[in-house]
Amino acid sequence: MIGKQLAVAVMFSFILVGSGLARLRPALFPGSASASADMQMNMSGMADEGVPSYHAYELKPPFPATLDPKQFPDAIIRNVYALAGRIKPVLYQQPCYCYCDRHQGHKSLLDCFASKHGSECDVCLKEAVLSYQLTKKGKTPAQIRAAIIHGDWQSVDMSPYSTGTVTP
């Protein structure tokens, strides 16, 4: 009886080891057709890095300060920082697709404008403008987040923000 149980345990171990090796086969034998298919599927890029950090809940006062727009000589940056200061609770609930949550420790798009990071990043600037535009159209933070995740920020026209100051 013990011999039978031992034999079953050994067979089960071989099955587990065999299935583990089968999963390693593409890495061990990169010339195989399935290995190249796996490599294509596992290519990392912005599309498969997931949704960056954001807060799913509403920000309660006091709101974190954004940097003073006057400190920036560039009109676009100055104008976007001014817009960001007007919609802090909205930005608090938005992800940032420059993935600054991973390299700057940011928790939402608002953090980009509480630091100089937003002034150095086109992604942050466009996401903030999109957030402002959609807020003015009456969209909720969740609807704005869906638009950002969809990538709508990529087609934002920044030219209206390149001169003078933006009015509400």
C-alpha atoms as a PDB file:
ATOM      1  CA  MET A   1       0.000   0.000   0.000  1.00  0.00           C
ATOM      2  CA  ILE A   2       2.779   2.461   0.921  1.00  0.00           C
ATOM      3  CA  GLY A   3       4.579   1.533  -2.295  1.00  0.00           C
ATOM      4  CA  LYS A   4       1.499   2.470  -4.326  1.00  0.00           C
ATOM      5  CA  GLN A   5       1.191   5.829  -2.564  1.00  0.00           C
ATOM      6  CA  LEU A   6       4.872   6.505  -3.163  1.00  0.00           C
ATOM      7  CA  ALA A   7       4.517   5.641  -6.843  1.00  0.00           C
ATOM      8  CA  VAL A   8       1.524   8.013  -7.175  1.00  0.00           C
ATOM      9  CA  ALA A   9       3.432  10.789  -5.407  1.00  0.00           C
ATOM     10  CA  VAL A  10       6.457  10.309  -7.691  1.00  0.00           C
ATOM     11  CA  MET A  11       4.248  10.342 -10.823  1.00  0.00           C
ATOM     12  CA  PHE A  12       2.485  13.472  -9.620  1.00  0.00           C
ATOM     13  CA  SER A  13       5.877  15.132  -9.065  1.00  0.00           C
ATOM     14  CA  PHE A  14       6.974  14.217 -12.594  1.00  0.00           C
ATOM     15  CA  ILE A  15       3.777  15.698 -14.013  1.00  0.00           C
ATOM     16  CA  LEU A  16       4.323  18.953 -12.124  1.00  0.00           C
ATOM     17  CA  VAL A  17       7.962  19.175 -13.168  1.00  0.00           C
ATOM     18  CA  GLY A  18       7.065  18.303 -16.757  1.00  0.00           C
ATOM     19  CA  SER A  19       4.428  20.999 -16.996  1.00  0.00           C
ATOM     20  CA  GLY A  20       6.858  23.542 -15.540  1.00  0.00           C
ATOM     21  CA  LEU A  21       9.503  22.623 -18.107  1.00  0.00           C
ATOM     22  CA  ALA A  22       6.954  22.853 -20.898  1.00  0.00           C
ATOM     23  CA  ARG A  23       6.292  26.448 -19.897  1.00  0.00           C
ATOM     24  CA  LEU A  24      10.027  27.163 -19.974  1.00  0.00           C
ATOM     25  CA  ARG A  25      10.473  25.603 -23.430  1.00  0.00           C
ATOM     26  CA  PRO A  26      10.192  28.906 -25.359  1.00  0.00           C
ATOM     27  CA  ALA A  27      12.879  30.462 -23.167  1.00  0.00           C
ATOM     28  CA  LEU A  28      15.133  27.408 -23.415  1.00  0.00           C
ATOM     29  CA  PHE A  29      14.695  26.978 -27.179  1.00  0.00           C
ATOM     30  CA  PRO A  30      14.254  30.447 -28.661  1.00  0.00           C
ATOM     31  CA  GLY A  31      14.378  29.191 -32.246  1.00  0.00           C
ATOM     32  CA  SER A  32      10.982  27.519 -32.000  1.00  0.00           C
ATOM     33  CA  ALA A  33       7.908  29.087 -33.617  1.00  0.00           C
ATOM     34  CA  SER A  34       6.027  29.338 -30.355  1.00  0.00           C
ATOM     35  CA  ALA A  35       8.919  31.248 -28.772  1.00  0.00           C
ATOM     36  CA  SER A  36       8.713  34.044 -31.310  1.00  0.00           C
ATOM     37  CA  ALA A  37       4.942  34.252 -30.810  1.00  0.00           C
ATOM     38  CA  ASP A  38       5.446  34.462 -27.036  1.00  0.00           C
ATOM     39  CA  MET A  39       8.080  37.162 -27.479  1.00  0.00           C
ATOM     40  CA  GLN A  40       5.694  39.274 -29.556  1.00  0.00           C
ATOM     41  CA  MET A  41       2.912  38.905 -27.021  1.00  0.00           C
ATOM     42  CA  ASN A  42       5.184  39.822 -24.105  1.00  0.00           C
ATOM     43  CA  MET A  43       6.725  42.922 -25.660  1.00  0.00           C
ATOM     44  CA  SER A  44       6.352  45.678 -23.122  1.00  0.00           C
ATOM     45  CA  GLY A  45       5.257  49.121 -24.080  1.00  0.00           C
ATOM     46  CA  MET A  46       2.998  51.875 -22.837  1.00  0.00           C
ATOM     47  CA  ALA A  47      -0.090  50.015 -24.043  1.00  0.00           C
ATOM     48  CA  ASP A  48       0.479  47.078 -21.745  1.00  0.00           C
ATOM     49  CA  GLU A  49       1.848  48.804 -18.660  1.00  0.00           C
ATOM     50  CA  GLY A  50      -1.649  49.166 -17.241  1.00  0.00           C
ATOM     51  CA  VAL A  51      -3.469  52.176 -15.902  1.00  0.00           C
ATOM     52  CA  PRO A  52      -1.204  54.459 -13.866  1.00  0.00           C
ATOM     53  CA  SER A  53      -2.025  55.463 -10.285  1.00  0.00           C
ATOM     54  CA  TYR A  54      -4.991  57.705  -9.538  1.00  0.00           C
ATOM     55  CA  HIS A  55      -7.466  58.299  -6.726  1.00  0.00           C
ATOM     56  CA  ALA A  56     -10.947  56.897  -7.383  1.00  0.00           C
ATOM     57  CA  TYR A  57     -12.473  59.081  -4.668  1.00  0.00           C
ATOM     58  CA  GLU A  58     -13.121  62.793  -4.437  1.00  0.00           C
ATOM     59  CA  LEU A  59     -10.493  65.035  -2.883  1.00  0.00           C
ATOM     60  CA  LYS A  60     -11.670  66.889   0.211  1.00  0.00           C
ATOM     61  CA  PRO A  61     -10.223  70.308   1.126  1.00  0.00           C
ATOM     62  CA  PRO A  62      -7.628  71.440   1.807  1.00  0.00           C
ATOM     63  CA  PHE A  63      -6.337  70.824  -1.704  1.00  0.00           C
ATOM     64  CA  PRO A  64      -2.617  70.405  -2.371  1.00  0.00           C
ATOM     65  CA  ALA A  65      -1.075  73.494  -3.886  1.00  0.00           C
ATOM     66  CA  THR A  66      -0.033  73.577  -7.515  1.00  0.00           C
ATOM     67  CA  LEU A  67       3.029  75.601  -8.429  1.00  0.00           C
ATOM     68  CA  ASP A  68       2.596  79.285  -9.213  1.00  0.00           C
ATOM     69  CA  PRO A  69       2.195  79.612 -12.998  1.00  0.00           C
ATOM     70  CA  LYS A  70       4.069  82.949 -13.001  1.00  0.00           C
ATOM     71  CA  GLN A  71       7.361  81.189 -12.362  1.00  0.00           C
ATOM     72  CA  PHE A  72       7.293  79.631 -15.855  1.00  0.00           C
ATOM     73  CA  PRO A  73       8.470  81.764 -18.795  1.00  0.00           C
ATOM     74  CA  ASP A  74       6.860  79.499 -21.431  1.00  0.00           C
ATOM     75  CA  ALA A  75       3.256  80.554 -22.187  1.00  0.00           C
ATOM     76  CA  ILE A  76       1.905  77.015 -22.639  1.00  0.00           C
ATOM     77  CA  ILE A  77       3.365  75.813 -19.361  1.00  0.00           C
ATOM     78  CA  ARG A  78       2.222  78.943 -17.529  1.00  0.00           C
ATOM     79  CA  ASN A  79      -1.321  78.593 -18.916  1.00  0.00           C
ATOM     80  CA  VAL A  80      -1.617  74.875 -18.188  1.00  0.00           C
ATOM     81  CA  TYR A  81      -0.391  75.340 -14.608  1.00  0.00           C
ATOM     82  CA  ALA A  82      -3.051  78.062 -14.232  1.00  0.00           C
ATOM     83  CA  LEU A  83      -5.717  75.647 -15.539  1.00  0.00           C
ATOM     84  CA  ALA A  84      -4.440  72.884 -13.271  1.00  0.00           C
ATOM     85  CA  GLY A  85      -4.850  75.170 -10.266  1.00  0.00           C
ATOM     86  CA  ARG A  86      -8.537  75.577 -11.160  1.00  0.00           C
ATOM     87  CA  ILE A  87      -9.337  71.861 -11.342  1.00  0.00           C
ATOM     88  CA  LYS A  88      -7.253  70.302  -8.576  1.00  0.00           C
ATOM     89  CA  PRO A  89     -10.022  67.941  -7.376  1.00  0.00           C
ATOM     90  CA  VAL A  90     -10.435  66.640 -10.942  1.00  0.00           C
ATOM     91  CA  LEU A  91      -6.696  66.139 -11.524  1.00  0.00           C
ATOM     92  CA  TYR A  92      -6.512  64.288  -8.209  1.00  0.00           C
ATOM     93  CA  GLN A  93      -8.720  61.578  -9.737  1.00  0.00           C
ATOM     94  CA  GLN A  94      -6.790  61.222 -13.007  1.00  0.00           C
ATOM     95  CA  PRO A  95      -3.976  58.859 -14.027  1.00  0.00           C
ATOM     96  CA  CYS A  96      -0.933  60.154 -15.864  1.00  0.00           C
ATOM     97  CA  TYR A  97       0.283  58.194 -18.850  1.00  0.00           C
ATOM     98  CA  CYS A  98       3.880  59.336 -18.620  1.00  0.00           C
ATOM     99  CA  TYR A  99       3.902  56.752 -15.812  1.00  0.00           C
ATOM    100  CA  CYS A 100       5.365  59.211 -13.325  1.00  0.00           C
ATOM    101  CA  ASP A 101       3.782  57.059 -10.625  1.00  0.00           C
ATOM    102  CA  ARG A 102       6.578  54.600 -11.342  1.00  0.00           C
ATOM    103  CA  HIS A 103       9.553  56.948 -11.719  1.00  0.00           C
ATOM    104  CA  GLN A 104       8.494  59.977  -9.646  1.00  0.00           C
ATOM    105  CA  GLY A 105       6.282  58.358  -7.005  1.00  0.00           C
ATOM    106  CA  HIS A 106       3.232  60.362  -8.077  1.00  0.00           C
ATOM    107  CA  LYS A 107      -0.232  59.192  -7.028  1.00  0.00           C
ATOM    108  CA  SER A 108      -2.255  61.148  -9.612  1.00  0.00           C
ATOM    109  CA  LEU A 109      -2.029  63.805 -12.329  1.00  0.00           C
ATOM    110  CA  LEU A 110      -2.331  66.505  -9.661  1.00  0.00           C
ATOM    111  CA  ASP A 111       1.126  65.589  -8.333  1.00  0.00           C
ATOM    112  CA  CYS A 112       2.616  66.561 -11.706  1.00  0.00           C
ATOM    113  CA  PHE A 113       1.471  70.164 -11.166  1.00  0.00           C
ATOM    114  CA  ALA A 114       2.377  70.285  -7.478  1.00  0.00           C
ATOM    115  CA  SER A 115       5.954  69.903  -8.774  1.00  0.00           C
ATOM    116  CA  LYS A 116       7.910  71.033 -11.825  1.00  0.00           C
ATOM    117  CA  HIS A 117       7.375  67.658 -13.465  1.00  0.00           C
ATOM    118  CA  GLY A 118       4.338  68.943 -15.392  1.00  0.00           C
ATOM    119  CA  SER A 119       6.473  71.665 -16.959  1.00  0.00           C
ATOM    120  CA  GLU A 120       8.803  69.081 -18.452  1.00  0.00           C
ATOM    121  CA  CYS A 121       6.246  66.592 -19.762  1.00  0.00           C
ATOM    122  CA  ASP A 122       3.981  66.912 -22.807  1.00  0.00           C
ATOM    123  CA  VAL A 123       1.831  64.008 -21.607  1.00  0.00           C
ATOM    124  CA  CYS A 124       1.045  65.747 -18.314  1.00  0.00           C
ATOM    125  CA  LEU A 125       0.310  69.038 -20.063  1.00  0.00           C
ATOM    126  CA  LYS A 126      -2.071  67.467 -22.589  1.00  0.00           C
ATOM    127  CA  GLU A 127      -3.865  65.396 -19.960  1.00  0.00           C
ATOM    128  CA  ALA A 128      -4.387  68.503 -17.824  1.00  0.00           C
ATOM    129  CA  VAL A 129      -5.774  70.478 -20.774  1.00  0.00           C
ATOM    130  CA  LEU A 130      -8.097  67.613 -21.704  1.00  0.00           C
ATOM    131  CA  SER A 131      -9.236  67.403 -18.071  1.00  0.00           C
ATOM    132  CA  TYR A 132      -9.943  71.141 -18.033  1.00  0.00           C
ATOM    133  CA  GLN A 133     -11.802  71.089 -21.359  1.00  0.00           C
ATOM    134  CA  LEU A 134     -13.970  68.141 -20.347  1.00  0.00           C
ATOM    135  CA  THR A 135     -14.650  69.667 -16.921  1.00  0.00           C
ATOM    136  CA  LYS A 136     -15.909  72.806 -18.676  1.00  0.00           C
ATOM    137  CA  LYS A 137     -18.212  70.566 -20.751  1.00  0.00           C
ATOM    138  CA  GLY A 138     -19.718  69.165 -17.548  1.00  0.00           C
ATOM    139  CA  LYS A 139     -17.995  65.760 -17.566  1.00  0.00           C
ATOM    140  CA  THR A 140     -17.435  63.972 -14.277  1.00  0.00           C
ATOM    141  CA  PRO A 141     -13.958  62.988 -13.081  1.00  0.00           C
ATOM    142  CA  ALA A 142     -14.811  59.345 -13.898  1.00  0.00           C
ATOM    143  CA  GLN A 143     -15.795  60.297 -17.469  1.00  0.00           C
ATOM    144  CA  ILE A 144     -12.618  62.336 -17.830  1.00  0.00           C
ATOM    145  CA  ARG A 145     -10.572  59.416 -16.525  1.00  0.00           C
ATOM    146  CA  ALA A 146     -12.184  57.145 -19.125  1.00  0.00           C
ATOM    147  CA  ALA A 147     -11.207  59.646 -21.856  1.00  0.00           C
ATOM    148  CA  ILE A 148      -7.622  59.789 -20.580  1.00  0.00           C
ATOM    149  CA  ILE A 149      -7.394  56.004 -20.410  1.00  0.00           C
ATOM    150  CA  HIS A 150      -8.816  55.864 -23.950  1.00  0.00           C
ATOM    151  CA  GLY A 151      -5.930  58.121 -25.054  1.00  0.00           C
ATOM    152  CA  ASP A 152      -7.972  61.204 -26.010  1.00  0.00           C
ATOM    153  CA  TRP A 153      -5.234  63.405 -24.539  1.00  0.00           C
ATOM    154  CA  GLN A 154      -2.982  62.476 -27.473  1.00  0.00           C
ATOM    155  CA  SER A 155      -5.021  64.632 -29.872  1.00  0.00           C
ATOM    156  CA  VAL A 156      -5.278  67.729 -27.662  1.00  0.00           C
ATOM    157  CA  ASP A 157      -4.440  70.924 -29.573  1.00  0.00           C
ATOM    158  CA  MET A 158      -2.078  72.954 -27.408  1.00  0.00           C
ATOM    159  CA  SER A 159      -1.870  75.969 -29.755  1.00  0.00           C
ATOM    160  CA  PRO A 160      -4.660  77.969 -28.029  1.00  0.00           C
ATOM    161  CA  TYR A 161      -2.517  77.929 -24.896  1.00  0.00           C
ATOM    162  CA  SER A 162       0.687  79.175 -26.525  1.00  0.00           C
ATOM    163  CA  THR A 163       0.070  82.906 -26.178  1.00  0.00           C
ATOM    164  CA  GLY A 164      -1.230  85.272 -23.556  1.00  0.00           C
ATOM    165  CA  THR A 165      -3.165  83.942 -20.638  1.00  0.00           C
ATOM    166  CA  VAL A 166      -6.111  81.598 -20.707  1.00  0.00           C
ATOM    167  CA  THR A 167      -9.424  82.859 -19.422  1.00  0.00           C
ATOM    168  CA  PRO A 168     -11.927  80.603 -17.690  1.00  0.00           C
END
